[in-house]
Amino acid sequence: MGFFEAINSVFAGFFKFSGRATRAEFWWFFLFEVIAFTVLGAVDAVMAFNVLAAAGGNELALLTLSPFDFMLTYYFIITFFPRLTVTIRRLHDVGLSGFFYLFYFVPFVGGLVVFVLTLLPSEADDNIHGPHYRPTGGPRRDPEGRPRKHDPMQGYAVLDRVNAPVTPEMQAARKAEVRALYEQRVLGKGPIVAE
């Protein structure tokens, strides 16, 4: 995931608290925030210096400025929810609850704790918060190309065959499978394969 793709993903999920955000998505957005903060902070500093210059260097002139005269105020209002949601989704990607975001409110060390948690690697497999990000898309496959057992859609694969007519070959194969299993487990013939 690149810079623009990450920014687009974060702003597209403006109010999306569920799901996962990869390290790339989170840290590309963090870089975007650093750049925006630097540029808008410079614009606000120039505006404050202009107010000071117009007042002849009187620092009390800065008290005439409202918080809404600064561009950073609007930036923080606009990006509050995307910043919140991408951090919560990043915590989900690590395998933690979004409630770990509340560590931000612990004085002195809370922000550092959340910072360290966002540095942790993503869980390699799907978790309760959603599937793992796969750039190529599609479900994970084993070496033979079959979906892995943890694929949540695998259980639905048999539904299209539920109402299929049973052919004599299918019936004979089922009988042979049941007979072989009976002979293995009950009669003790042949090797018992642990499942």
Foldseek 3Di string as FASTA:
>chain_A
DDLVVLVVVLVVCLQPQFAADFLRSLVSVVVVVVVVCVVQVVVQVVVQVVQCVVVVNPNCSSVVDDPVVGPVVVVCVRCVRSNLRNLQRLLVQQVHHSCLLCLCVVPPCSVVVSVVSSPDHGDPAADPRGGDDDPVDDADADPVRHHDPVPPCPVVPCVVVPPPDQDPVNVVVVVVVVVVVCCCPPVVPDDDDDD
